[in-house]
Amino acid sequence: MDGQGKGVSQPVGVSQGVDAARRAPLWTPAELAQATGGTLRGVAADAPIGGVSIDSRTLKTGDAFFAITGDRDGHDFAASAAARGAGLCAVARAKLDTLPADMPALIVEDVLKALEDAGRAARTRCGGRIVAVTGSVGKTTTKEALLLALGADGLTHASAASYNNHWGVPLSLARLPADAAYGVFELGMNHAGEIAPLSAMVRPHVAVITTVEPVHIAQFPNVEAIADAKAEIFTGVEPGGAAVLNRDNPHFDRLAAAARSAGIDNVAGFGQSVAAQARLLSVALQPDGSTALAEILGETVSFKVGLPGRHIVQNALAVLAAAKLAGADLCLAALALASLGPPPGRGVRTPLDVKGGRALMIDESYNANPASMRAALAVLAGTPVEGRGRRIAVLGDMLELGAMGEELHRGLAPEAGRADLVFSAGPLMRALHEALPEHRRGAWAPDAATLLPLLADRLRGGDVLVVKGSNGSRMGPLVRALAERFPVKDDASAEG
C-alpha cells in the first residue's frame, strides 16, 4: 500500500557486502505461489522477481507488490504498481473484480498472511546466520551497526528503516536473499505478546536486547513487565543459539533467567561490569565518534565507532559480541564500525546559516524516551561550540509514559540543565521547563510549531542545538523547518 506505516515512502531492503548487479533474482512467481499457496495469473512462472514491495511509489520494475491493508487498502494502488512495472501483484481473491483483468497477479486469500508465508519461506531457504535485535532504546542504530559489522565478513541483509512490526518483519524476511551469509532483523513492540510471533518468524541464532527502560510504560504495569515482553524474543531462538544482554541494566538477571528458561544456555552480557563477557575496558569519547578497547568473549579488540556518545559504544559491544557468536570475523567487524553513520532522525548533523555565522543542528527527532533523551543531552554536552556559541536543547514531549509522564519529564532537569538554554514544546515538557533554573529557560510553547519562531529568533553563530522528542510531538517537522529557514550558503556568500 502507498505510504504504509507512518505516511512516508517505503525504503527498500538493505544488503551489505555484495554487488547487486551480480545477484540471482530474489524470487520467481512460481516460488512465491508455492510459498503462499496462491494462484498465478498473467505472469510467467519463471520470470525474475527482483524485490518485494508494499509501496507503489518506491517499487522497482520487476518487484512483487503485496497489496496489504493498513492505513489504506493496498488494492487501491495495485493498478498503479502494475503500471510502474511490478512483476506481479499479490492480491486478495475477494478483490479481483475491482482490479484490471490483465494485471500480473498472485491471487491469495489474505495478502498479509501471504507476505508472512513468503517471509517464512525465505527464512527457511536461507542457510545464513540470523541475528534479531530488540530493546527499549537503540534497536535501529544497533541493527545498522550489525549490518556494517557482519557485512564486512559476508553478504548481509537487514531490515530497512525501523521495519519491526507485524508487517515490517515479514516484509524484511521476504527480501532475505537465499544466499545471504547473515541476516539482521529488528523486532519492536508496544504491548505484551507482540514480539513472540515475530521471533517465531525470524528464528534467530543470536538474540540481542539492547536495554530495558520505561518506554511505552503506559501499556504496562511496571518496567519488569516491559522486560518480560522483550524477553519474548528468546522463544524463537534456534536450538544452540545465544542471547546478548545488557549486563549494566538492572533487569539483566531477569532477562538471563528468561533466556535460560527458553533453552538458551549461551547468555553473554555486555557493558562495563566486570561480569560482562563483552566488557568495555577503556573509551575515549569524541564529538564525532569514539575510540574504545574491549574484551569480546575472551578476545581483546580496539575499535572506533563513527557516532558520538557512550550509549553508542555500549551497543557496539553488543554488536561485536553478536558478530562473534554468529561466526563472523571479529577484527573485520570491529574495523567496520568506524564507518557507522546515523540513521535519519538519530543524530544527523546539519549546519545552519544563522545570524552571526553558522550553527550546528543535531537531529534526534526520531522518537524519545527518558533513556534516549539523556543520551542525546550527553552528546550535546560533549559537542564543542565556537566563539560565543551556546549548547541549546530543543525538546518535545515524551509520549506513552502514562501516569509517570510529568515526573519523568521533570526528572530530566539535571541533564537538561547542563545545556545553556532549553527550549521545550508540549504540555508534559512544561514540567521540565518549570524545573529548570530561570537562566536556562529559553522558551516553552504548547507545540513545536509555536516554538519554532521563538527558537529561530534566538539562534546565533557558533550555537549547537540538539532536537529531540517523541514522533507525536512533531519535532521532525521543526527540524525540517529550521533547515529550510537557515539554508547553508556557499562559502563566498557566507563571508562577512
Protein backbone atom coordinates (compact mmCIF):
# COMPACT_ATOMS: atom_id res chain seq x y z
CA MET A 1 0.00 0.00 0.00
CA ASP A 2 1.15 3.58 -0.55
CA GLY A 3 2.72 5.21 2.50
CA GLN A 4 2.39 2.13 4.65
CA GLY A 5 3.22 2.71 8.31
CA LYS A 6 3.83 6.40 9.01
CA GLY A 7 2.79 8.09 5.80
CA VAL A 8 6.27 8.13 4.28
CA SER A 9 7.83 6.45 1.30
CA GLN A 10 8.92 2.92 1.99
CA PRO A 11 12.67 2.24 1.81
CA VAL A 12 13.83 -0.89 0.07
CA GLY A 13 15.63 -3.76 1.77
CA VAL A 14 19.24 -3.29 2.68
CA SER A 15 22.19 -5.52 1.82
CA GLN A 16 25.86 -5.05 2.60
CA GLY A 17 28.92 -6.65 1.08
CA VAL A 18 27.56 -7.63 -2.33
CA ASP A 19 27.37 -6.39 -5.90
CA ALA A 20 23.62 -6.46 -6.51
CA ALA A 21 24.09 -6.50 -10.27
CA ARG A 22 25.60 -9.97 -10.00
CA ARG A 23 22.83 -11.42 -7.85
CA ALA A 24 20.33 -14.04 -8.86
CA PRO A 25 16.65 -12.99 -8.72
CA LEU A 26 15.16 -12.91 -5.25
CA TRP A 27 12.10 -14.92 -6.27
CA THR A 28 10.25 -16.36 -9.23
CA PRO A 29 6.46 -16.19 -9.39
CA ALA A 30 6.34 -19.98 -9.10
CA GLU A 31 8.34 -19.86 -5.86
CA LEU A 32 6.07 -17.18 -4.40
CA ALA A 33 3.00 -19.17 -5.39
CA GLN A 34 4.39 -22.25 -3.69
CA ALA A 35 5.32 -20.29 -0.56
CA THR A 36 1.93 -18.61 -0.23
CA GLY A 37 -0.42 -21.22 -1.66
CA GLY A 38 -1.56 -18.63 -4.20
CA THR A 39 -2.55 -18.87 -7.84
CA LEU A 40 -0.70 -17.11 -10.65
CA ARG A 41 -2.47 -15.17 -13.40
CA GLY A 42 -0.95 -13.36 -16.35
CA VAL A 43 2.71 -13.90 -15.42
CA ALA A 44 5.36 -16.42 -16.47
CA ALA A 45 6.17 -18.85 -13.68
CA ASP A 46 9.93 -18.39 -14.13
CA ALA A 47 10.02 -14.60 -14.55
CA PRO A 48 12.65 -12.93 -12.32
CA ILE A 49 11.33 -11.08 -9.27
CA GLY A 50 14.00 -8.71 -8.00
CA GLY A 51 12.37 -7.41 -4.83
CA VAL A 52 9.30 -7.23 -2.62
CA SER A 53 7.37 -4.01 -2.04
CA ILE A 54 4.25 -2.72 -0.31
CA ASP A 55 4.54 0.82 -1.70
CA SER A 56 3.81 1.55 -5.36
CA ARG A 57 5.80 4.80 -5.15
CA THR A 58 9.12 3.14 -4.41
CA LEU A 59 8.52 -0.09 -6.29
CA LYS A 60 11.16 -1.06 -8.86
CA THR A 61 10.49 -2.73 -12.19
CA GLY A 62 10.10 -6.47 -11.65
CA ASP A 63 9.25 -6.26 -7.94
CA ALA A 64 6.43 -8.21 -6.34
CA PHE A 65 3.84 -5.81 -4.91
CA PHE A 66 1.87 -7.08 -1.90
CA ALA A 67 -1.39 -5.16 -1.53
CA ILE A 68 -1.62 -5.31 2.26
CA THR A 69 -4.15 -3.24 4.18
CA GLY A 70 -3.03 -0.76 6.83
CA ASP A 71 -3.93 2.92 6.97
CA ARG A 72 -5.06 2.43 3.36
CA ASP A 73 -6.08 -0.60 1.34
CA GLY A 74 -3.14 -1.62 -0.83
CA HIS A 75 -5.55 -2.88 -3.50
CA ASP A 76 -6.29 0.77 -4.27
CA PHE A 77 -2.71 1.03 -5.56
CA ALA A 78 -2.31 -2.34 -7.27
CA ALA A 79 -3.12 -0.97 -10.72
CA SER A 80 -0.59 1.81 -10.18
CA ALA A 81 2.00 -0.76 -9.12
CA ALA A 82 1.35 -2.79 -12.26
CA ALA A 83 1.67 0.33 -14.40
CA ARG A 84 5.03 1.05 -12.76
CA GLY A 85 6.30 -2.35 -13.83
CA ALA A 86 5.51 -4.70 -10.96
CA GLY A 87 6.47 -8.26 -11.84
CA LEU A 88 3.31 -9.39 -10.10
CA CYS A 89 0.78 -8.05 -7.60
CA ALA A 90 -0.23 -10.24 -4.67
CA VAL A 91 -3.92 -9.50 -4.23
CA ALA A 92 -6.88 -10.95 -2.36
CA ARG A 93 -9.28 -13.17 -4.27
CA ALA A 94 -12.20 -11.16 -2.91
CA LYS A 95 -10.81 -8.01 -4.58
CA LEU A 96 -10.29 -9.44 -8.09
CA ASP A 97 -13.41 -7.83 -9.53
CA THR A 98 -12.04 -4.36 -8.68
CA LEU A 99 -8.67 -4.88 -10.43
CA PRO A 100 -7.58 -4.87 -14.08
CA ALA A 101 -8.06 -8.29 -15.68
CA ASP A 102 -4.68 -8.16 -17.43
CA MET A 103 -2.69 -7.31 -14.29
CA PRO A 104 0.05 -9.89 -13.48
CA ALA A 105 -1.25 -11.34 -10.25
CA LEU A 106 -0.63 -13.74 -7.41
CA ILE A 107 -4.11 -14.44 -6.08
CA VAL A 108 -4.29 -15.31 -2.37
CA GLU A 109 -6.97 -15.41 0.32
CA ASP A 110 -5.25 -12.94 2.69
CA VAL A 111 -2.41 -10.70 1.48
CA LEU A 112 -0.77 -10.04 4.87
CA LYS A 113 -0.78 -13.77 5.62
CA ALA A 114 0.74 -14.38 2.18
CA LEU A 115 3.50 -11.89 2.99
CA GLU A 116 4.12 -13.72 6.25
CA ASP A 117 4.26 -17.04 4.40
CA ALA A 118 6.75 -15.59 1.91
CA GLY A 119 8.87 -14.35 4.81
CA ARG A 120 8.84 -17.75 6.48
CA ALA A 121 9.78 -19.44 3.21
CA ALA A 122 12.66 -17.01 2.68
CA ARG A 123 13.90 -17.68 6.20
CA THR A 124 13.69 -21.46 5.68
CA ARG A 125 15.66 -21.47 2.43
CA CYS A 126 18.44 -19.20 3.77
CA GLY A 127 21.38 -21.03 5.29
CA GLY A 128 22.92 -17.90 6.80
CA ARG A 129 23.20 -16.92 10.44
CA ILE A 130 20.40 -14.71 11.72
CA VAL A 131 20.54 -12.02 14.41
CA ALA A 132 17.42 -10.40 15.91
CA VAL A 133 17.53 -7.14 17.89
CA THR A 134 15.04 -5.66 20.30
CA GLY A 135 15.22 -3.30 23.29
CA SER A 136 13.71 -0.13 24.65
CA VAL A 137 16.37 2.09 23.10
CA GLY A 138 18.91 1.75 20.30
CA LYS A 139 17.36 -1.01 18.19
CA THR A 140 17.71 0.65 14.80
CA THR A 141 21.23 2.02 15.30
CA THR A 142 22.34 -1.38 16.62
CA LYS A 143 20.76 -3.07 13.61
CA GLU A 144 22.60 -0.69 11.28
CA ALA A 145 25.87 -1.34 13.11
CA LEU A 146 25.33 -5.09 12.76
CA LEU A 147 24.73 -4.62 9.04
CA LEU A 148 28.15 -2.97 8.77
CA ALA A 149 29.94 -5.38 11.07
CA LEU A 150 28.59 -8.57 9.52
CA GLY A 151 28.69 -7.12 6.01
CA ALA A 152 32.46 -6.88 6.32
CA ASP A 153 32.52 -10.68 6.54
CA GLY A 154 29.89 -11.74 4.01
CA LEU A 155 26.64 -10.88 2.27
CA THR A 156 24.38 -9.42 4.93
CA HIS A 157 20.72 -8.47 4.66
CA ALA A 158 18.98 -6.23 7.20
CA SER A 159 15.52 -4.81 7.60
CA ALA A 160 15.13 -1.31 6.20
CA ALA A 161 14.47 1.71 8.42
CA SER A 162 12.54 0.67 11.57
CA TYR A 163 10.54 -2.13 9.95
CA ASN A 164 10.00 -4.00 13.18
CA ASN A 165 6.26 -4.68 13.46
CA HIS A 166 3.64 -7.17 12.21
CA TRP A 167 4.09 -6.14 8.56
CA GLY A 168 7.67 -4.82 8.67
CA VAL A 169 9.23 -8.07 9.88
CA PRO A 170 7.62 -10.36 7.29
CA LEU A 171 8.38 -7.79 4.57
CA SER A 172 12.03 -7.71 5.64
CA LEU A 173 12.15 -11.51 5.75
CA ALA A 174 10.60 -11.79 2.29
CA ARG A 175 13.51 -9.71 0.99
CA LEU A 176 16.13 -12.02 2.53
CA PRO A 177 18.33 -13.46 -0.25
CA ALA A 178 18.69 -17.23 -0.22
CA ASP A 179 22.48 -16.93 -0.33
CA ALA A 180 22.87 -14.35 2.43
CA ALA A 181 25.61 -15.22 4.92
CA TYR A 182 23.89 -13.15 7.61
CA GLY A 183 20.51 -11.57 8.26
CA VAL A 184 19.70 -8.86 10.82
CA PHE A 185 16.14 -8.13 11.89
CA GLU A 186 14.72 -5.55 14.27
CA LEU A 187 11.76 -6.57 16.45
CA GLY A 188 9.59 -3.94 18.13
CA MET A 189 6.55 -3.85 20.36
CA ASN A 190 4.10 -1.57 22.12
CA HIS A 191 2.25 -4.29 24.04
CA ALA A 192 2.97 -7.68 25.55
CA GLY A 193 2.63 -10.60 23.16
CA GLU A 194 3.84 -8.79 20.04
CA ILE A 195 7.48 -9.95 19.90
CA ALA A 196 6.89 -13.71 20.28
CA PRO A 197 5.22 -14.20 16.86
CA LEU A 198 7.86 -12.02 15.19
CA SER A 199 10.68 -14.04 16.75
CA ALA A 200 8.96 -17.25 15.64
CA MET A 201 9.12 -15.97 12.05
CA VAL A 202 12.74 -14.76 12.24
CA ARG A 203 14.10 -17.78 14.17
CA PRO A 204 17.35 -16.05 15.13
CA HIS A 205 20.58 -17.76 16.05
CA VAL A 206 21.51 -14.75 18.20
CA ALA A 207 19.01 -12.56 20.09
CA VAL A 208 20.13 -9.11 21.28
CA ILE A 209 18.30 -6.96 23.84
CA THR A 210 19.95 -3.54 23.94
CA THR A 211 18.36 -2.38 27.21
CA VAL A 212 15.09 -2.20 29.15
CA GLU A 213 13.73 1.22 30.07
CA PRO A 214 10.30 2.73 30.89
CA VAL A 215 9.28 3.05 27.23
CA HIS A 216 5.58 2.51 26.39
CA ILE A 217 5.15 2.31 30.17
CA ALA A 218 1.55 3.44 29.77
CA GLN A 219 0.80 -0.02 28.32
CA PHE A 220 2.48 -1.93 31.19
CA PRO A 221 2.06 -2.15 34.96
CA ASN A 222 5.81 -1.69 35.57
CA VAL A 223 9.23 -1.85 33.93
CA GLU A 224 9.59 -5.52 34.87
CA ALA A 225 6.63 -6.26 32.60
CA ILE A 226 8.44 -4.45 29.78
CA ALA A 227 11.46 -6.70 30.39
CA ASP A 228 9.21 -9.76 30.17
CA ALA A 229 7.77 -8.52 26.88
CA LYS A 230 11.27 -8.01 25.46
CA ALA A 231 12.20 -11.49 26.66
CA GLU A 232 9.65 -12.94 24.23
CA ILE A 233 12.46 -12.72 21.65
CA PHE A 234 14.00 -15.81 23.25
CA THR A 235 11.05 -18.02 22.33
CA GLY A 236 12.04 -18.07 18.66
CA VAL A 237 15.79 -18.62 19.07
CA GLU A 238 17.12 -21.63 17.20
CA PRO A 239 18.43 -24.60 19.22
CA GLY A 240 22.02 -23.93 20.27
CA GLY A 241 21.52 -20.19 19.88
CA ALA A 242 22.72 -17.36 22.08
CA ALA A 243 21.41 -14.27 23.88
CA VAL A 244 23.31 -10.97 24.18
CA LEU A 245 22.10 -8.83 27.09
CA ASN A 246 23.00 -5.54 28.73
CA ARG A 247 24.98 -6.51 31.85
CA ASP A 248 24.77 -2.96 33.20
CA ASN A 249 20.97 -2.88 33.08
CA PRO A 250 19.15 -3.68 36.36
CA HIS A 251 16.96 -6.22 34.53
CA PHE A 252 19.86 -8.39 33.33
CA ASP A 253 19.21 -11.21 35.80
CA ARG A 254 15.52 -11.32 34.92
CA LEU A 255 16.29 -11.46 31.20
CA ALA A 256 19.05 -14.04 31.62
CA ALA A 257 16.69 -16.27 33.60
CA ALA A 258 14.08 -15.94 30.85
CA ALA A 259 16.65 -16.84 28.22
CA ARG A 260 17.69 -19.97 30.09
CA SER A 261 14.05 -20.92 30.63
CA ALA A 262 13.67 -20.77 26.84
CA GLY A 263 16.53 -23.26 26.47
CA ILE A 264 19.33 -20.79 25.73
CA ASP A 265 22.46 -21.83 27.60
CA ASN A 266 24.80 -19.29 25.99
CA VAL A 267 24.00 -15.93 27.59
CA ALA A 268 26.58 -13.17 27.06
CA GLY A 269 26.44 -9.89 28.92
CA PHE A 270 27.87 -6.65 27.53
CA GLY A 271 28.85 -3.45 29.31
CA GLN A 272 31.32 -2.10 31.85
CA SER A 273 30.52 -4.65 34.54
CA VAL A 274 33.43 -6.93 35.46
CA ALA A 275 30.98 -9.80 34.95
CA ALA A 276 30.35 -8.87 31.30
CA GLN A 277 31.62 -11.25 28.63
CA ALA A 278 31.76 -8.32 26.21
CA ARG A 279 33.42 -5.81 28.52
CA LEU A 280 34.45 -2.23 27.89
CA LEU A 281 38.00 -1.74 29.15
CA SER A 282 38.54 1.90 28.17
CA VAL A 283 36.93 4.55 26.00
CA ALA A 284 37.80 7.98 24.63
CA LEU A 285 34.64 9.91 23.77
CA GLN A 286 34.99 12.49 20.99
CA PRO A 287 32.48 14.93 19.47
CA ASP A 288 32.13 12.94 16.26
CA GLY A 289 32.79 9.39 17.46
CA SER A 290 34.65 7.30 19.99
CA THR A 291 37.66 5.01 20.34
CA ALA A 292 37.42 2.03 22.64
CA LEU A 293 39.21 -1.04 23.91
CA ALA A 294 37.13 -4.06 24.85
CA GLU A 295 37.33 -7.74 25.61
CA ILE A 296 34.81 -9.60 23.48
CA LEU A 297 34.23 -13.19 24.56
CA GLY A 298 37.86 -13.65 25.52
CA GLU A 299 39.39 -11.66 22.65
CA THR A 300 40.78 -8.16 23.15
CA VAL A 301 39.93 -5.72 20.37
CA SER A 302 40.27 -1.98 19.83
CA PHE A 303 37.76 -0.19 17.64
CA LYS A 304 36.48 3.15 16.52
CA VAL A 305 32.80 3.91 16.16
CA GLY A 306 31.65 6.67 13.84
CA LEU A 307 28.88 8.09 16.04
CA PRO A 308 29.34 10.04 19.28
CA GLY A 309 28.04 9.03 22.68
CA ARG A 310 28.75 6.47 25.38
CA HIS A 311 25.45 4.76 24.58
CA ILE A 312 26.71 4.08 21.05
CA VAL A 313 29.87 2.46 22.44
CA GLN A 314 27.74 0.39 24.80
CA ASN A 315 25.68 -1.00 21.95
CA ALA A 316 28.83 -1.53 19.86
CA LEU A 317 29.85 -4.09 22.49
CA ALA A 318 26.60 -5.94 21.82
CA VAL A 319 27.24 -5.75 18.07
CA LEU A 320 30.72 -7.23 18.38
CA ALA A 321 29.54 -9.98 20.72
CA ALA A 322 26.68 -10.88 18.38
CA ALA A 323 29.00 -10.84 15.37
CA LYS A 324 31.43 -13.24 17.04
CA LEU A 325 28.61 -15.52 18.21
CA ALA A 326 27.25 -15.55 14.64
CA GLY A 327 30.63 -16.75 13.39
CA ALA A 328 31.89 -13.55 11.80
CA ASP A 329 35.49 -12.32 11.86
CA LEU A 330 35.72 -10.09 14.94
CA CYS A 331 38.58 -7.95 13.58
CA LEU A 332 36.69 -7.20 10.36
CA ALA A 333 33.55 -6.40 12.36
CA ALA A 334 35.44 -4.02 14.64
CA LEU A 335 37.07 -2.18 11.73
CA ALA A 336 33.70 -1.71 10.02
CA LEU A 337 32.21 0.23 12.94
CA ALA A 338 34.35 3.25 12.10
CA SER A 339 32.05 3.98 9.15
CA LEU A 340 28.84 3.86 11.19
CA GLY A 341 26.63 6.84 10.40
CA PRO A 342 23.35 8.00 11.89
CA PRO A 343 20.00 6.77 10.55
CA PRO A 344 17.53 9.61 9.80
CA GLY A 345 16.41 11.40 12.94
CA ARG A 346 19.03 9.73 15.10
CA GLY A 347 21.95 12.12 15.19
CA VAL A 348 22.14 13.54 11.67
CA ARG A 349 24.11 16.79 11.78
CA THR A 350 23.05 19.78 9.67
CA PRO A 351 24.78 23.16 9.53
CA LEU A 352 22.55 26.24 9.66
CA ASP A 353 23.48 29.72 8.45
CA VAL A 354 22.05 31.92 11.19
CA LYS A 355 22.58 35.48 12.36
CA GLY A 356 26.26 36.00 13.08
CA GLY A 357 27.59 32.84 11.47
CA ARG A 358 26.99 29.11 11.37
CA ALA A 359 25.20 26.91 13.89
CA LEU A 360 25.07 23.11 14.06
CA MET A 361 21.79 21.20 14.43
CA ILE A 362 21.84 17.59 15.70
CA ASP A 363 18.61 15.90 14.61
CA GLU A 364 17.49 13.35 17.22
CA SER A 365 13.82 13.83 16.39
CA TYR A 366 13.00 10.16 15.74
CA ASN A 367 11.11 9.34 18.93
CA ALA A 368 12.17 9.78 22.53
CA ASN A 369 12.03 8.24 25.99
CA PRO A 370 13.88 9.13 29.20
CA ALA A 371 16.93 6.98 28.37
CA SER A 372 17.37 8.20 24.80
CA MET A 373 16.69 11.78 25.88
CA ARG A 374 19.52 11.60 28.42
CA ALA A 375 21.81 10.08 25.81
CA ALA A 376 21.07 12.92 23.37
CA LEU A 377 21.66 15.51 26.09
CA ALA A 378 25.00 13.85 26.88
CA VAL A 379 26.01 14.10 23.22
CA LEU A 380 25.07 17.78 23.27
CA ALA A 381 27.16 18.34 26.40
CA GLY A 382 30.16 16.77 24.68
CA THR A 383 29.86 18.75 21.44
CA PRO A 384 32.16 21.81 21.26
CA VAL A 385 30.80 25.25 20.41
CA GLU A 386 32.59 28.06 18.63
CA GLY A 387 33.08 31.62 19.80
CA ARG A 388 30.07 32.88 21.72
CA GLY A 389 28.06 29.85 20.76
CA ARG A 390 25.81 28.04 23.22
CA ARG A 391 24.59 24.47 23.70
CA ILE A 392 20.84 24.51 23.16
CA ALA A 393 18.42 21.67 23.90
CA VAL A 394 15.17 21.71 21.92
CA LEU A 395 12.87 19.12 23.44
CA GLY A 396 9.37 17.84 22.73
CA ASP A 397 7.11 15.69 24.85
CA MET A 398 7.99 12.06 25.51
CA LEU A 399 4.76 10.14 24.99
CA GLU A 400 3.24 6.85 26.22
CA LEU A 401 4.57 7.34 29.75
CA GLY A 402 1.18 7.16 31.45
CA ALA A 403 0.82 8.48 34.98
CA MET A 404 4.61 8.86 35.25
CA GLY A 405 4.73 11.41 32.44
CA GLU A 406 5.21 14.65 34.38
CA GLU A 407 7.60 13.04 36.86
CA LEU A 408 9.81 11.61 34.11
CA HIS A 409 9.91 14.92 32.25
CA ARG A 410 10.78 16.82 35.42
CA GLY A 411 13.47 14.23 36.13
CA LEU A 412 15.41 15.34 33.05
CA ALA A 413 16.30 18.63 34.74
CA PRO A 414 19.84 17.68 35.86
CA GLU A 415 20.90 16.58 32.37
CA ALA A 416 18.96 19.29 30.52
CA GLY A 417 20.38 21.87 32.93
CA ARG A 418 23.85 21.24 31.51
CA ALA A 419 22.69 22.99 28.34
CA ASP A 420 22.99 26.76 28.17
CA LEU A 421 19.38 27.11 27.04
CA VAL A 422 16.44 24.72 26.88
CA PHE A 423 13.53 25.29 24.50
CA SER A 424 10.64 22.91 25.03
CA ALA A 425 7.27 22.13 23.49
CA GLY A 426 4.23 20.24 24.70
CA PRO A 427 2.15 20.01 27.88
CA LEU A 428 4.42 17.42 29.52
CA MET A 429 7.57 19.41 28.82
CA ARG A 430 6.15 22.27 30.86
CA ALA A 431 7.13 20.25 33.95
CA LEU A 432 10.76 20.27 32.81
CA HIS A 433 10.62 23.95 31.85
CA GLU A 434 9.45 24.90 35.34
CA ALA A 435 12.07 22.67 37.00
CA LEU A 436 14.94 24.44 35.27
CA PRO A 437 16.77 27.49 36.67
CA GLU A 438 15.45 30.72 35.19
CA HIS A 439 18.66 31.42 33.27
CA ARG A 440 18.42 28.05 31.47
CA ARG A 441 14.88 28.60 30.21
CA GLY A 442 14.86 29.50 26.54
CA ALA A 443 11.13 29.27 25.94
CA TRP A 444 8.21 26.88 26.36
CA ALA A 445 5.38 26.54 23.84
CA PRO A 446 2.32 24.30 23.68
CA ASP A 447 3.54 22.68 20.44
CA ALA A 448 6.54 22.52 18.14
CA ALA A 449 5.05 24.82 15.50
CA THR A 450 4.55 27.58 18.07
CA LEU A 451 8.05 27.02 19.44
CA LEU A 452 9.70 27.38 16.03
CA PRO A 453 9.75 31.21 15.73
CA LEU A 454 10.74 31.61 19.40
CA LEU A 455 13.74 29.38 18.81
CA ALA A 456 14.66 30.76 15.39
CA ASP A 457 14.85 34.30 16.72
CA ARG A 458 17.39 33.31 19.38
CA LEU A 459 19.87 31.32 17.29
CA ARG A 460 23.28 32.79 16.58
CA GLY A 461 26.60 31.78 15.07
CA GLY A 462 28.51 29.12 17.00
CA ASP A 463 25.42 27.56 18.59
CA VAL A 464 24.94 23.79 18.74
CA LEU A 465 21.38 22.56 19.19
CA VAL A 466 20.01 19.07 19.65
CA VAL A 467 16.36 18.49 18.74
CA LYS A 468 14.53 15.53 20.27
CA GLY A 469 11.03 14.37 21.12
CA SER A 470 8.54 11.59 20.52
CA ASN A 471 7.22 11.33 16.98
CA GLY A 472 3.86 12.65 18.10
CA SER A 473 5.47 15.83 19.42
CA ARG A 474 6.28 16.84 15.80
CA MET A 475 9.91 17.74 16.33
CA GLY A 476 10.80 16.26 12.92
CA PRO A 477 8.89 19.00 11.07
CA LEU A 478 10.61 21.57 13.30
CA VAL A 479 14.00 20.19 12.17
CA ARG A 480 12.98 20.46 8.52
CA ALA A 481 11.62 23.97 9.05
CA LEU A 482 14.89 25.14 10.60
CA ALA A 483 16.89 23.66 7.71
CA GLU A 484 14.64 25.47 5.24
CA ARG A 485 14.74 28.76 7.15
CA PHE A 486 18.53 28.76 7.55
CA PRO A 487 19.93 27.05 4.45
CA VAL A 488 23.69 26.87 4.17
CA LYS A 489 25.03 29.34 1.64
CA ASP A 490 28.20 28.80 -0.33
CA ASP A 491 31.43 29.97 1.29
CA ALA A 492 31.56 33.19 -0.74
CA SER A 493 28.08 34.32 0.22
CA ALA A 494 28.57 33.27 3.82
CA GLU A 495 31.59 35.51 4.36
CA GLY A 496 31.24 38.83 6.07
